[in-house]
Amino acid sequence: MRALVQRVGRAAVHIEGDVAGEIGEGLLILICAMAGDAPEAPAKMAAKIAKLRIFKDEAGKMNRALRDTGGGALIVSQFTLAGDTSRGNRPGFSAAAPPAEGEAAYKAFIAAMRAEGIRVQTGRFGADMQVSLVNDGPVTLWVEV
């Protein structure tokens, strides 16, 4: 499983002009299930992200996790994170899990984040979405499990 995690002041996802999900301070998580992911990958990814110490403490150091701040998570499926650009100019996506597996992993990741005590908003798997955000820091991390 692969994720691009951004610390945000706010973020929203729109589908067909309507707000599907939005958060204030927290994390925008673009998530991709990869072909061959272990069944425990969504839970491992959720535990890792919920505990990432990337929020400032009282001294201004990145020492607090999302679960410490009470912030939210906006989770958006993003199969293009599996894109391979090593050959030519058109990315290949064969490393991404097939759609049915990807959707199941996406839903399992959402459930696992909620089980970690995180307030979650989402996009919709497979939808054409417009995502807006204010990246805080900026802090952006690539996470794989």
N, C-alpha and C. Protein backbone atom coordinates (compact mmCIF):
# COMPACT_ATOMS: atom_id res chain seq x y z
N MET A 1 0.86 -1.17 0.00
CA MET A 1 0.00 0.00 0.00
C MET A 1 0.91 1.22 0.00
N ARG A 2 0.47 2.25 -0.66
CA ARG A 2 1.26 3.46 -0.84
C ARG A 2 0.37 4.67 -0.54
N ALA A 3 0.95 5.67 0.12
CA ALA A 3 0.18 6.88 0.45
C ALA A 3 1.06 8.12 0.30
N LEU A 4 0.43 9.19 -0.12
CA LEU A 4 1.02 10.51 -0.08
C LEU A 4 0.25 11.27 0.99
N VAL A 5 0.94 11.68 2.05
CA VAL A 5 0.33 12.29 3.22
C VAL A 5 0.73 13.75 3.29
N GLN A 6 -0.25 14.63 3.37
CA GLN A 6 0.02 16.06 3.45
C GLN A 6 -0.63 16.64 4.70
N ARG A 7 0.18 17.36 5.50
CA ARG A 7 -0.37 18.07 6.65
C ARG A 7 -1.05 19.32 6.10
N VAL A 8 -2.31 19.51 6.48
CA VAL A 8 -3.09 20.59 5.88
C VAL A 8 -3.74 21.48 6.94
N GLY A 9 -3.96 22.73 6.55
CA GLY A 9 -4.77 23.65 7.35
C GLY A 9 -6.24 23.40 7.08
N ARG A 10 -6.52 22.96 5.84
CA ARG A 10 -7.87 22.55 5.44
C ARG A 10 -7.76 21.84 4.10
N ALA A 11 -8.74 20.99 3.83
CA ALA A 11 -8.78 20.27 2.56
C ALA A 11 -10.21 19.86 2.27
N ALA A 12 -10.51 19.73 0.99
CA ALA A 12 -11.86 19.32 0.57
C ALA A 12 -11.77 18.53 -0.72
N VAL A 13 -12.74 17.66 -0.92
CA VAL A 13 -12.88 16.94 -2.17
C VAL A 13 -14.29 17.15 -2.69
N HIS A 14 -14.38 17.49 -3.98
CA HIS A 14 -15.66 17.73 -4.64
C HIS A 14 -15.88 16.67 -5.70
N ILE A 15 -17.12 16.21 -5.81
CA ILE A 15 -17.51 15.26 -6.85
C ILE A 15 -18.75 15.83 -7.52
N GLU A 16 -18.65 16.05 -8.83
CA GLU A 16 -19.74 16.62 -9.62
C GLU A 16 -20.25 17.92 -9.01
N GLY A 17 -19.33 18.73 -8.51
CA GLY A 17 -19.67 20.04 -7.97
C GLY A 17 -20.11 20.06 -6.53
N ASP A 18 -20.32 18.90 -5.92
CA ASP A 18 -20.76 18.82 -4.53
C ASP A 18 -19.60 18.44 -3.62
N VAL A 19 -19.60 18.98 -2.41
CA VAL A 19 -18.58 18.62 -1.43
C VAL A 19 -18.85 17.20 -0.96
N ALA A 20 -17.88 16.30 -1.18
CA ALA A 20 -18.01 14.92 -0.72
C ALA A 20 -17.41 14.78 0.67
N GLY A 21 -16.35 15.54 0.95
CA GLY A 21 -15.70 15.49 2.24
C GLY A 21 -14.83 16.71 2.43
N GLU A 22 -14.72 17.17 3.67
CA GLU A 22 -13.83 18.29 3.95
C GLU A 22 -13.40 18.24 5.41
N ILE A 23 -12.19 18.76 5.65
CA ILE A 23 -11.65 18.82 7.00
C ILE A 23 -10.99 20.17 7.22
N GLY A 24 -10.80 20.51 8.49
CA GLY A 24 -9.95 21.63 8.86
C GLY A 24 -8.53 21.10 9.01
N GLU A 25 -7.86 21.46 10.09
CA GLU A 25 -6.50 20.99 10.30
C GLU A 25 -6.46 19.47 10.39
N GLY A 26 -5.47 18.90 9.76
CA GLY A 26 -5.32 17.45 9.79
C GLY A 26 -4.45 16.96 8.66
N LEU A 27 -4.85 15.83 8.09
CA LEU A 27 -4.08 15.20 7.02
C LEU A 27 -4.95 14.92 5.81
N LEU A 28 -4.44 15.26 4.64
CA LEU A 28 -5.00 14.79 3.38
C LEU A 28 -4.18 13.56 3.02
N ILE A 29 -4.86 12.43 2.85
CA ILE A 29 -4.18 11.17 2.57
C ILE A 29 -4.65 10.66 1.22
N LEU A 30 -3.74 10.68 0.25
CA LEU A 30 -4.00 10.07 -1.05
C LEU A 30 -3.49 8.64 -0.94
N ILE A 31 -4.35 7.66 -1.17
CA ILE A 31 -4.01 6.27 -0.87
C ILE A 31 -4.18 5.38 -2.10
N CYS A 32 -3.25 4.42 -2.25
CA CYS A 32 -3.27 3.52 -3.40
C CYS A 32 -2.97 2.10 -2.94
N ALA A 33 -3.84 1.18 -3.27
CA ALA A 33 -3.57 -0.24 -3.04
C ALA A 33 -2.72 -0.74 -4.20
N MET A 34 -1.69 -1.50 -3.87
CA MET A 34 -0.77 -2.01 -4.88
C MET A 34 -1.05 -3.50 -5.11
N ALA A 35 -0.79 -3.97 -6.32
CA ALA A 35 -0.93 -5.39 -6.61
C ALA A 35 -0.03 -6.17 -5.66
N GLY A 36 -0.58 -7.22 -5.05
CA GLY A 36 0.21 -8.05 -4.15
C GLY A 36 0.27 -7.57 -2.72
N ASP A 37 -0.47 -6.51 -2.37
CA ASP A 37 -0.49 -6.06 -0.98
C ASP A 37 -0.98 -7.18 -0.07
N ALA A 38 -0.37 -7.27 1.11
CA ALA A 38 -0.81 -8.24 2.11
C ALA A 38 -2.17 -7.81 2.66
N PRO A 39 -2.99 -8.74 3.13
CA PRO A 39 -4.30 -8.39 3.69
C PRO A 39 -4.22 -7.41 4.86
N GLU A 40 -3.13 -7.43 5.61
CA GLU A 40 -2.99 -6.54 6.77
C GLU A 40 -2.47 -5.15 6.39
N ALA A 41 -2.19 -4.90 5.12
CA ALA A 41 -1.63 -3.61 4.70
C ALA A 41 -2.49 -2.40 5.09
N PRO A 42 -3.82 -2.44 4.90
CA PRO A 42 -4.61 -1.26 5.29
C PRO A 42 -4.50 -0.93 6.78
N ALA A 43 -4.54 -1.93 7.65
CA ALA A 43 -4.43 -1.69 9.09
C ALA A 43 -3.04 -1.20 9.46
N LYS A 44 -2.00 -1.77 8.83
CA LYS A 44 -0.62 -1.32 9.09
C LYS A 44 -0.43 0.13 8.66
N MET A 45 -0.99 0.47 7.50
CA MET A 45 -0.86 1.83 6.99
C MET A 45 -1.59 2.80 7.91
N ALA A 46 -2.78 2.44 8.35
CA ALA A 46 -3.55 3.32 9.24
C ALA A 46 -2.81 3.54 10.55
N ALA A 47 -2.27 2.49 11.13
CA ALA A 47 -1.53 2.62 12.39
C ALA A 47 -0.31 3.52 12.20
N LYS A 48 0.39 3.35 11.09
CA LYS A 48 1.58 4.16 10.81
C LYS A 48 1.21 5.63 10.68
N ILE A 49 0.21 5.92 9.87
CA ILE A 49 -0.16 7.32 9.62
C ILE A 49 -0.74 7.98 10.87
N ALA A 50 -1.56 7.27 11.62
CA ALA A 50 -2.16 7.84 12.83
C ALA A 50 -1.10 8.22 13.85
N LYS A 51 0.05 7.54 13.81
CA LYS A 51 1.11 7.78 14.78
C LYS A 51 2.25 8.66 14.27
N LEU A 52 2.20 9.08 12.99
CA LEU A 52 3.27 9.92 12.44
C LEU A 52 3.36 11.22 13.23
N ARG A 53 4.51 11.52 13.76
CA ARG A 53 4.70 12.73 14.56
C ARG A 53 5.13 13.87 13.64
N ILE A 54 4.14 14.50 13.02
CA ILE A 54 4.43 15.56 12.04
C ILE A 54 3.69 16.86 12.35
N PHE A 55 3.10 16.94 13.54
CA PHE A 55 2.43 18.16 13.97
C PHE A 55 3.27 18.82 15.07
N LYS A 56 3.24 20.13 15.10
CA LYS A 56 4.07 20.88 16.05
C LYS A 56 3.58 20.75 17.48
N ASP A 57 4.54 20.65 18.38
CA ASP A 57 4.23 20.68 19.82
C ASP A 57 4.35 22.12 20.31
N GLU A 58 4.29 22.31 21.62
CA GLU A 58 4.34 23.65 22.21
C GLU A 58 5.65 24.37 21.90
N ALA A 59 6.71 23.61 21.67
CA ALA A 59 8.03 24.19 21.36
C ALA A 59 8.22 24.40 19.86
N GLY A 60 7.21 24.08 19.06
CA GLY A 60 7.31 24.27 17.61
C GLY A 60 7.99 23.13 16.89
N LYS A 61 8.26 22.02 17.56
CA LYS A 61 8.91 20.87 16.94
C LYS A 61 7.86 19.86 16.49
N MET A 62 8.14 19.18 15.39
CA MET A 62 7.22 18.16 14.90
C MET A 62 7.33 16.96 15.84
N ASN A 63 6.42 16.91 16.81
CA ASN A 63 6.49 15.90 17.85
C ASN A 63 5.12 15.34 18.22
N ARG A 64 4.06 15.75 17.50
CA ARG A 64 2.72 15.29 17.82
C ARG A 64 2.14 14.56 16.62
N ALA A 65 1.33 13.55 16.90
CA ALA A 65 0.66 12.77 15.86
C ALA A 65 -0.76 13.28 15.66
N LEU A 66 -1.38 12.87 14.57
CA LEU A 66 -2.76 13.26 14.27
C LEU A 66 -3.68 12.89 15.42
N ARG A 67 -3.49 11.70 15.98
CA ARG A 67 -4.35 11.27 17.08
C ARG A 67 -4.17 12.16 18.31
N ASP A 68 -3.01 12.85 18.45
CA ASP A 68 -2.78 13.77 19.57
C ASP A 68 -3.45 15.12 19.36
N THR A 69 -3.64 15.51 18.10
CA THR A 69 -4.15 16.85 17.80
C THR A 69 -5.66 16.90 17.72
N GLY A 70 -6.30 15.76 17.50
CA GLY A 70 -7.75 15.76 17.30
C GLY A 70 -8.15 16.20 15.91
N GLY A 71 -7.16 16.35 15.01
CA GLY A 71 -7.45 16.75 13.64
C GLY A 71 -8.11 15.64 12.85
N GLY A 72 -8.59 15.98 11.68
CA GLY A 72 -9.27 15.02 10.83
C GLY A 72 -8.38 14.49 9.72
N ALA A 73 -8.88 13.48 9.03
CA ALA A 73 -8.21 12.92 7.87
C ALA A 73 -9.18 12.91 6.70
N LEU A 74 -8.74 13.47 5.58
CA LEU A 74 -9.49 13.39 4.34
C LEU A 74 -8.80 12.34 3.49
N ILE A 75 -9.48 11.22 3.24
CA ILE A 75 -8.88 10.08 2.55
C ILE A 75 -9.45 10.00 1.14
N VAL A 76 -8.54 10.01 0.16
CA VAL A 76 -8.93 10.02 -1.25
C VAL A 76 -8.19 8.89 -1.97
N SER A 77 -8.94 8.04 -2.67
CA SER A 77 -8.31 6.97 -3.45
C SER A 77 -7.55 7.59 -4.62
N GLN A 78 -6.36 7.06 -4.91
CA GLN A 78 -5.49 7.69 -5.91
C GLN A 78 -4.64 6.61 -6.58
N PHE A 79 -5.21 5.87 -7.53
CA PHE A 79 -4.47 4.78 -8.16
C PHE A 79 -3.25 5.28 -8.92
N THR A 80 -3.21 6.55 -9.29
CA THR A 80 -2.06 7.06 -10.05
C THR A 80 -0.78 7.09 -9.22
N LEU A 81 -0.88 6.88 -7.90
CA LEU A 81 0.34 6.76 -7.09
C LEU A 81 1.14 5.52 -7.48
N ALA A 82 0.51 4.60 -8.18
CA ALA A 82 1.21 3.40 -8.67
C ALA A 82 1.87 3.64 -10.01
N GLY A 83 1.78 4.86 -10.53
CA GLY A 83 2.30 5.17 -11.86
C GLY A 83 3.79 4.90 -12.00
N ASP A 84 4.15 4.24 -13.09
CA ASP A 84 5.54 3.95 -13.43
C ASP A 84 5.92 4.81 -14.63
N THR A 85 6.87 5.68 -14.44
CA THR A 85 7.31 6.59 -15.51
C THR A 85 8.73 6.25 -15.97
N SER A 86 9.19 5.04 -15.68
CA SER A 86 10.58 4.68 -16.01
C SER A 86 10.79 4.46 -17.50
N ARG A 87 9.73 4.16 -18.24
CA ARG A 87 9.86 3.94 -19.68
C ARG A 87 8.92 4.88 -20.42
N GLY A 88 9.46 5.70 -21.26
CA GLY A 88 8.66 6.57 -22.09
C GLY A 88 8.02 7.70 -21.31
N ASN A 89 7.03 8.32 -21.93
CA ASN A 89 6.39 9.49 -21.36
C ASN A 89 4.98 9.25 -20.87
N ARG A 90 4.46 8.07 -21.10
CA ARG A 90 3.12 7.75 -20.64
C ARG A 90 3.22 6.78 -19.46
N PRO A 91 2.72 7.18 -18.28
CA PRO A 91 2.84 6.30 -17.11
C PRO A 91 2.06 5.01 -17.30
N GLY A 92 2.59 3.95 -16.71
CA GLY A 92 1.89 2.67 -16.67
C GLY A 92 1.39 2.46 -15.25
N PHE A 93 0.26 1.80 -15.11
CA PHE A 93 -0.38 1.62 -13.80
C PHE A 93 -0.57 0.15 -13.43
N SER A 94 0.19 -0.74 -14.05
CA SER A 94 0.02 -2.16 -13.79
C SER A 94 0.40 -2.55 -12.36
N ALA A 95 1.13 -1.72 -11.65
CA ALA A 95 1.50 -2.02 -10.25
C ALA A 95 0.33 -1.78 -9.29
N ALA A 96 -0.71 -1.09 -9.74
CA ALA A 96 -1.88 -0.85 -8.88
C ALA A 96 -2.70 -2.13 -8.76
N ALA A 97 -3.35 -2.29 -7.62
CA ALA A 97 -4.25 -3.42 -7.44
C ALA A 97 -5.41 -3.32 -8.42
N PRO A 98 -5.98 -4.44 -8.85
CA PRO A 98 -7.18 -4.38 -9.69
C PRO A 98 -8.29 -3.63 -8.95
N PRO A 99 -9.22 -3.02 -9.69
CA PRO A 99 -10.24 -2.16 -9.07
C PRO A 99 -10.99 -2.78 -7.88
N ALA A 100 -11.45 -4.00 -7.98
CA ALA A 100 -12.21 -4.59 -6.87
C ALA A 100 -11.33 -4.73 -5.62
N GLU A 101 -10.08 -5.15 -5.80
CA GLU A 101 -9.16 -5.27 -4.66
C GLU A 101 -8.81 -3.88 -4.11
N GLY A 102 -8.61 -2.94 -5.02
CA GLY A 102 -8.28 -1.57 -4.60
C GLY A 102 -9.39 -0.95 -3.78
N GLU A 103 -10.64 -1.15 -4.22
CA GLU A 103 -11.76 -0.59 -3.47
C GLU A 103 -11.90 -1.24 -2.10
N ALA A 104 -11.71 -2.55 -2.03
CA ALA A 104 -11.79 -3.24 -0.74
C ALA A 104 -10.70 -2.75 0.21
N ALA A 105 -9.49 -2.56 -0.31
CA ALA A 105 -8.38 -2.07 0.52
C ALA A 105 -8.63 -0.63 0.96
N TYR A 106 -9.18 0.19 0.07
CA TYR A 106 -9.52 1.59 0.40
C TYR A 106 -10.52 1.62 1.55
N LYS A 107 -11.58 0.81 1.45
CA LYS A 107 -12.59 0.77 2.51
C LYS A 107 -12.01 0.22 3.81
N ALA A 108 -11.12 -0.76 3.71
CA ALA A 108 -10.48 -1.31 4.92
C ALA A 108 -9.58 -0.27 5.57
N PHE A 109 -8.89 0.53 4.76
CA PHE A 109 -8.04 1.59 5.30
C PHE A 109 -8.89 2.63 6.03
N ILE A 110 -10.00 3.03 5.45
CA ILE A 110 -10.90 4.00 6.09
C ILE A 110 -11.37 3.45 7.43
N ALA A 111 -11.81 2.20 7.44
CA ALA A 111 -12.28 1.58 8.69
C ALA A 111 -11.16 1.52 9.72
N ALA A 112 -9.95 1.21 9.28
CA ALA A 112 -8.81 1.12 10.20
C ALA A 112 -8.45 2.49 10.77
N MET A 113 -8.54 3.54 9.96
CA MET A 113 -8.27 4.90 10.47
C MET A 113 -9.32 5.28 11.52
N ARG A 114 -10.57 4.94 11.26
CA ARG A 114 -11.62 5.21 12.25
C ARG A 114 -11.37 4.41 13.54
N ALA A 115 -10.91 3.18 13.40
CA ALA A 115 -10.59 2.35 14.56
C ALA A 115 -9.42 2.94 15.36
N GLU A 116 -8.58 3.72 14.71
CA GLU A 116 -7.47 4.41 15.38
C GLU A 116 -7.96 5.66 16.12
N GLY A 117 -9.26 5.95 16.00
CA GLY A 117 -9.82 7.11 16.69
C GLY A 117 -9.74 8.40 15.89
N ILE A 118 -9.51 8.29 14.60
CA ILE A 118 -9.37 9.47 13.73
C ILE A 118 -10.73 9.80 13.11
N ARG A 119 -11.08 11.10 13.11
CA ARG A 119 -12.27 11.57 12.40
C ARG A 119 -11.96 11.56 10.91
N VAL A 120 -12.76 10.86 10.14
CA VAL A 120 -12.47 10.62 8.72
C VAL A 120 -13.55 11.21 7.82
N GLN A 121 -13.11 11.85 6.76
CA GLN A 121 -13.96 12.24 5.64
C GLN A 121 -13.34 11.58 4.41
N THR A 122 -14.12 11.37 3.36
CA THR A 122 -13.59 10.64 2.21
C THR A 122 -14.05 11.24 0.88
N GLY A 123 -13.36 10.79 -0.15
CA GLY A 123 -13.83 10.95 -1.51
C GLY A 123 -14.65 9.71 -1.84
N ARG A 124 -14.75 9.37 -3.13
CA ARG A 124 -15.47 8.16 -3.54
C ARG A 124 -14.59 7.38 -4.50
N PHE A 125 -14.38 6.13 -4.21
CA PHE A 125 -13.51 5.29 -5.02
C PHE A 125 -13.94 5.32 -6.48
N GLY A 126 -12.99 5.56 -7.36
CA GLY A 126 -13.23 5.53 -8.80
C GLY A 126 -13.88 6.77 -9.38
N ALA A 127 -14.25 7.73 -8.54
CA ALA A 127 -14.92 8.95 -9.03
C ALA A 127 -13.91 9.94 -9.59
N ASP A 128 -14.38 10.82 -10.46
CA ASP A 128 -13.60 11.96 -10.92
C ASP A 128 -13.75 13.02 -9.83
N MET A 129 -12.66 13.34 -9.14
CA MET A 129 -12.73 14.22 -7.98
C MET A 129 -11.83 15.44 -8.17
N GLN A 130 -12.23 16.53 -7.56
CA GLN A 130 -11.41 17.73 -7.50
C GLN A 130 -11.03 17.92 -6.03
N VAL A 131 -9.73 17.93 -5.77
CA VAL A 131 -9.23 18.03 -4.40
C VAL A 131 -8.57 19.39 -4.22
N SER A 132 -8.94 20.08 -3.15
CA SER A 132 -8.28 21.35 -2.83
C SER A 132 -7.71 21.24 -1.43
N LEU A 133 -6.60 21.94 -1.21
CA LEU A 133 -5.95 21.88 0.09
C LEU A 133 -5.09 23.10 0.32
N VAL A 134 -4.86 23.36 1.60
CA VAL A 134 -3.85 24.32 2.03
C VAL A 134 -2.82 23.49 2.77
N ASN A 135 -1.69 23.25 2.11
CA ASN A 135 -0.62 22.44 2.69
C ASN A 135 0.04 23.25 3.78
N ASP A 136 0.12 22.70 4.98
CA ASP A 136 0.66 23.38 6.15
C ASP A 136 2.12 23.00 6.32
N GLY A 137 3.00 23.94 6.20
CA GLY A 137 4.43 23.71 6.41
C GLY A 137 5.29 24.22 5.27
N PRO A 138 5.25 23.64 4.11
CA PRO A 138 4.51 22.44 3.72
C PRO A 138 5.16 21.17 4.27
N VAL A 139 4.32 20.24 4.64
CA VAL A 139 4.76 18.91 5.07
C VAL A 139 4.06 17.89 4.18
N THR A 140 4.86 17.14 3.41
CA THR A 140 4.34 16.11 2.52
C THR A 140 5.26 14.90 2.61
N LEU A 141 4.68 13.74 2.89
CA LEU A 141 5.46 12.51 3.05
C LEU A 141 4.92 11.38 2.19
N TRP A 142 5.85 10.57 1.70
CA TRP A 142 5.53 9.35 0.97
C TRP A 142 5.63 8.21 1.97
N VAL A 143 4.57 7.41 2.10
CA VAL A 143 4.55 6.31 3.07
C VAL A 143 4.19 5.02 2.34
N GLU A 144 4.97 3.97 2.60
CA GLU A 144 4.68 2.65 2.04
C GLU A 144 4.73 1.60 3.14
N VAL A 145 3.84 0.61 3.06
CA VAL A 145 3.89 -0.54 3.98
C VAL A 145 3.78 -1.82 3.16
